[in-house]
Amino acid sequence: MAIVDFSAVTMQYGRGPAALTDVSFAVRASAFTLLLGPSGAGKSTLLKLVLAMERPQAGTIRVAGRDIHRLRRASIPYLRRNVGAVFQDFKLLPEATPLENVALALRVLGASSREIEARAGHALERVELDPKIRRPSRCLSGGEQQRVAIARALAGDPAILLADEPTGNLDPRLTLEILEVLAAVRRSGTTVILATHDPHVRDRVEFTQELHLRGGRVVLDTATEPEEAVA
């Protein structure tokens, strides 16, 4: 069953060239989908559409069974509780501890104080970080900061995790660590969509689907059996 489904989607900003043109694909639940393509190919735009941050000019998008085009503004926060997002630049509060950064996301969702402490701690443990770390996030390594960002995205137990160039600022060793974390997230049942311009990522992570974007169009869509991660 598809948890993300694009059908003939076109997205254009102003009078410039279309960011996406006639894009169609489906991502099944619990998949690990690699979204590959050079900078400017339309990867970030596609992820923004999944998050309902943008609305397309044409086509239909269904996310977790909901038609994005028909979604009322009041329903968008509910959708985003089912979709976590991780970015290249972490977007953490630099003076807050890892636990405080994750807790903030749960507070926005309206969780109780007891829930926040338990769920934030569990989310950090999922990415193999100690919830008792008391250092501010700015003092952590790049890999640790990205783990905190992933934990924050997972804290609300979303069905889908979007990762937009999550290894773009990391060296090869830390890149492999983060890819292993994302693979573990997928094995736990969460659907992962990882966007990257780095073609070498496909050799370093287990994935079940490979999408290539070029010039705003899907030029390759292949589903594969899960592969063994390669160092």
Protein backbone atom coordinates (compact mmCIF):
# COMPACT_ATOMS: atom_id res chain seq x y z
CA MET A 1 0.00 0.00 0.00
CA ALA A 2 1.36 3.44 -0.95
CA ILE A 3 1.89 5.85 1.91
CA VAL A 4 3.06 8.63 -0.46
CA ASP A 5 1.54 8.83 -3.94
CA PHE A 6 2.26 11.53 -6.56
CA SER A 7 0.23 11.55 -9.77
CA ALA A 8 1.15 13.93 -12.64
CA VAL A 9 2.36 16.63 -10.23
CA THR A 10 3.65 19.94 -11.60
CA MET A 11 5.02 22.68 -9.34
CA GLN A 12 6.13 26.11 -10.53
CA TYR A 13 7.34 29.15 -8.58
CA GLY A 14 6.26 32.40 -10.19
CA ARG A 15 7.05 32.73 -13.88
CA GLY A 16 10.28 30.73 -13.82
CA PRO A 17 10.73 27.19 -15.12
CA ALA A 18 8.77 24.46 -13.37
CA ALA A 19 10.52 22.97 -10.33
CA LEU A 20 8.65 19.69 -10.96
CA THR A 21 6.96 18.57 -14.17
CA ASP A 22 4.47 15.71 -14.48
CA VAL A 23 5.98 13.79 -11.56
CA SER A 24 4.39 10.44 -10.69
CA PHE A 25 5.62 7.80 -8.24
CA ALA A 26 4.46 5.82 -5.22
CA VAL A 27 6.27 4.95 -1.98
CA ARG A 28 4.98 1.98 -0.08
CA ALA A 29 4.69 1.92 3.71
CA SER A 30 7.90 0.93 5.56
CA ALA A 31 10.04 1.57 2.45
CA PHE A 32 13.45 3.21 2.32
CA THR A 33 13.35 5.44 -0.75
CA LEU A 34 16.44 7.17 -2.10
CA LEU A 35 15.64 10.41 -3.93
CA LEU A 36 18.72 11.16 -6.01
CA GLY A 37 19.55 14.08 -8.27
CA PRO A 38 21.86 17.07 -8.66
CA SER A 39 21.28 20.38 -6.92
CA GLY A 40 18.28 22.12 -8.47
CA ALA A 41 16.68 18.87 -9.65
CA GLY A 42 13.56 19.46 -7.53
CA LYS A 43 14.26 17.20 -4.53
CA SER A 44 13.60 19.79 -1.82
CA THR A 45 10.46 20.99 -3.60
CA LEU A 46 9.17 17.42 -3.68
CA LEU A 47 9.71 17.02 0.07
CA LYS A 48 7.99 20.36 0.76
CA LEU A 49 4.97 19.07 -1.15
CA VAL A 50 4.86 15.95 1.03
CA LEU A 51 4.85 18.25 4.08
CA ALA A 52 2.10 20.41 2.53
CA MET A 53 4.44 23.41 2.73
CA GLU A 54 3.64 24.04 -0.94
CA ARG A 55 0.65 23.26 -3.17
CA PRO A 56 1.17 22.07 -6.77
CA GLN A 57 -0.38 23.75 -9.80
CA ALA A 58 -1.41 20.38 -11.24
CA GLY A 59 -1.70 16.75 -10.23
CA THR A 60 -2.65 14.99 -6.99
CA ILE A 61 -0.65 14.05 -3.91
CA ARG A 62 -1.78 11.61 -1.25
CA VAL A 63 0.15 11.29 2.01
CA ALA A 64 -0.86 8.73 4.62
CA GLY A 65 -4.22 8.38 2.88
CA ARG A 66 -4.94 12.12 2.72
CA ASP A 67 -5.32 14.16 -0.46
CA ILE A 68 -3.02 17.16 0.05
CA HIS A 69 -4.92 19.30 -2.45
CA ARG A 70 -8.16 18.90 -0.49
CA LEU A 71 -6.57 19.29 2.92
CA ARG A 72 -7.99 22.15 4.95
CA ARG A 73 -5.45 24.47 6.56
CA ALA A 74 -6.61 23.39 10.02
CA SER A 75 -5.73 19.77 9.16
CA ILE A 76 -2.14 20.45 8.12
CA PRO A 77 -0.73 20.17 11.70
CA TYR A 78 -2.33 16.73 11.97
CA LEU A 79 -0.65 15.68 8.73
CA ARG A 80 2.73 16.90 9.94
CA ARG A 81 2.44 14.81 13.09
CA ASN A 82 2.63 11.83 10.74
CA VAL A 83 5.62 13.22 8.84
CA GLY A 84 8.95 13.97 10.55
CA ALA A 85 11.63 15.99 8.76
CA VAL A 86 15.43 16.22 9.06
CA PHE A 87 17.57 18.80 7.28
CA GLN A 88 21.21 19.35 6.36
CA ASP A 89 21.71 22.20 8.84
CA PHE A 90 20.22 20.42 11.91
CA LYS A 91 18.04 23.41 12.98
CA LEU A 92 18.71 22.82 16.69
CA LEU A 93 18.59 25.35 19.53
CA PRO A 94 22.35 25.73 20.08
CA GLU A 95 22.23 26.36 23.85
CA ALA A 96 19.69 23.60 24.59
CA THR A 97 20.69 20.05 25.52
CA PRO A 98 19.74 17.16 23.24
CA LEU A 99 16.85 16.24 25.54
CA GLU A 100 15.59 19.85 25.60
CA ASN A 101 15.69 20.06 21.80
CA VAL A 102 13.64 16.88 21.43
CA ALA A 103 11.29 17.86 24.25
CA LEU A 104 10.46 21.14 22.51
CA ALA A 105 9.06 19.25 19.51
CA LEU A 106 6.80 17.23 21.82
CA ARG A 107 5.70 20.34 23.68
CA VAL A 108 4.55 21.83 20.37
CA LEU A 109 2.48 18.67 19.84
CA GLY A 110 0.77 19.22 23.20
CA ALA A 111 2.22 16.22 25.05
CA SER A 112 2.05 16.17 28.86
CA SER A 113 5.19 16.74 30.95
CA ARG A 114 5.37 13.05 31.83
CA GLU A 115 4.98 12.02 28.19
CA ILE A 116 7.60 14.53 27.07
CA GLU A 117 10.30 13.19 29.37
CA ALA A 118 9.66 9.54 28.52
CA ARG A 119 9.21 9.99 24.75
CA ALA A 120 12.13 12.40 24.34
CA GLY A 121 14.43 10.01 26.17
CA HIS A 122 13.23 7.07 24.08
CA ALA A 123 13.73 9.01 20.83
CA LEU A 124 17.34 9.79 21.77
CA GLU A 125 17.96 6.15 22.65
CA ARG A 126 16.64 5.15 19.21
CA VAL A 127 19.50 7.10 17.63
CA GLU A 128 21.99 5.78 20.21
CA LEU A 129 22.42 8.97 22.21
CA ASP A 130 22.35 9.18 26.00
CA PRO A 131 19.35 11.26 27.15
CA LYS A 132 21.42 12.39 30.16
CA ILE A 133 23.89 14.40 28.05
CA ARG A 134 24.00 17.86 29.60
CA ARG A 135 26.20 19.62 27.05
CA PRO A 136 24.53 22.26 24.85
CA SER A 137 23.93 21.05 21.33
CA ARG A 138 26.49 23.49 19.89
CA CYS A 139 29.20 21.51 21.72
CA LEU A 140 28.29 18.21 20.04
CA SER A 141 29.94 16.81 16.93
CA GLY A 142 28.17 17.20 13.59
CA GLY A 143 27.14 13.55 13.68
CA GLU A 144 25.75 13.88 17.19
CA GLN A 145 23.81 17.01 16.24
CA GLN A 146 22.26 15.20 13.29
CA ARG A 147 21.30 12.32 15.59
CA VAL A 148 19.54 14.84 17.85
CA ALA A 149 17.73 16.25 14.82
CA ILE A 150 16.61 12.75 13.81
CA ALA A 151 15.46 12.01 17.37
CA ARG A 152 13.45 15.25 17.38
CA ALA A 153 11.79 14.24 14.10
CA LEU A 154 10.98 10.78 15.51
CA ALA A 155 9.69 11.98 18.88
CA GLY A 156 6.10 12.24 17.66
CA ASP A 157 6.28 8.68 16.27
CA PRO A 158 5.63 9.70 12.64
CA ALA A 159 4.77 7.17 9.96
CA ILE A 160 7.13 8.92 7.51
CA LEU A 161 10.59 10.42 7.99
CA LEU A 162 11.87 12.85 5.35
CA ALA A 163 15.62 13.50 5.29
CA ASP A 164 16.78 16.36 3.05
CA GLU A 165 20.57 16.10 2.47
CA PRO A 166 21.10 14.91 6.09
CA THR A 167 24.76 14.01 5.44
CA GLY A 168 25.67 17.06 3.36
CA ASN A 169 27.78 18.65 6.13
CA LEU A 170 29.36 15.43 7.43
CA ASP A 171 32.61 13.64 6.69
CA PRO A 172 32.52 10.07 5.27
CA ARG A 173 32.70 8.36 8.67
CA LEU A 174 29.87 10.40 10.16
CA THR A 175 27.89 10.03 6.93
CA LEU A 176 27.99 6.26 7.33
CA GLU A 177 26.90 6.55 10.97
CA ILE A 178 23.86 8.65 10.07
CA LEU A 179 22.91 6.35 7.20
CA GLU A 180 23.02 3.40 9.59
CA VAL A 181 20.74 5.29 11.99
CA LEU A 182 18.25 5.96 9.17
CA ALA A 183 18.37 2.31 8.08
CA ALA A 184 17.56 1.26 11.65
CA VAL A 185 14.65 3.71 11.70
CA ARG A 186 13.28 2.08 8.57
CA ARG A 187 13.69 -1.41 10.03
CA SER A 188 11.54 -0.31 12.97
CA GLY A 189 8.66 0.26 10.51
CA THR A 190 8.97 3.97 9.67
CA THR A 191 8.94 4.93 5.99
CA VAL A 192 12.13 6.85 5.13
CA ILE A 193 12.58 9.14 2.11
CA LEU A 194 16.19 10.32 1.84
CA ALA A 195 17.03 13.09 -0.64
CA THR A 196 20.66 13.52 -1.63
CA HIS A 197 22.82 14.78 -4.49
CA ASP A 198 25.58 12.31 -3.53
CA PRO A 199 25.36 9.17 -5.71
CA HIS A 200 27.74 7.32 -3.36
CA VAL A 201 25.02 7.19 -0.69
CA ARG A 202 23.29 4.40 -2.60
CA ASP A 203 26.33 2.16 -1.96
CA ARG A 204 26.27 2.78 1.78
CA VAL A 205 22.70 2.18 2.90
CA GLU A 206 19.94 -0.40 2.65
CA PHE A 207 17.14 0.84 0.39
CA THR A 208 14.06 -0.53 -1.30
CA GLN A 209 13.37 2.12 -3.94
CA GLU A 210 15.50 4.47 -6.02
CA LEU A 211 14.07 7.62 -7.59
CA HIS A 212 16.19 9.87 -9.81
CA LEU A 213 15.16 13.47 -10.51
CA ARG A 214 16.67 15.53 -13.28
CA GLY A 215 15.36 18.91 -14.35
CA GLY A 216 12.24 18.43 -12.25
CA ARG A 217 11.31 15.11 -13.86
CA VAL A 218 11.53 11.52 -12.63
CA VAL A 219 13.99 9.81 -14.97
CA LEU A 220 14.34 6.56 -13.00
CA ASP A 221 12.05 4.76 -10.57
CA THR A 222 13.16 1.31 -9.49
CA ALA A 223 12.07 -0.84 -6.58
CA THR A 224 14.67 -3.28 -5.29
CA GLU A 225 15.08 -5.85 -2.59
CA PRO A 226 16.84 -4.45 0.51
CA GLU A 227 20.59 -4.42 0.00
CA GLU A 228 23.34 -4.93 2.54
CA ALA A 229 24.94 -1.69 3.66
CA VAL A 230 28.45 -1.25 2.31
CA ALA A 231 31.12 0.63 4.25
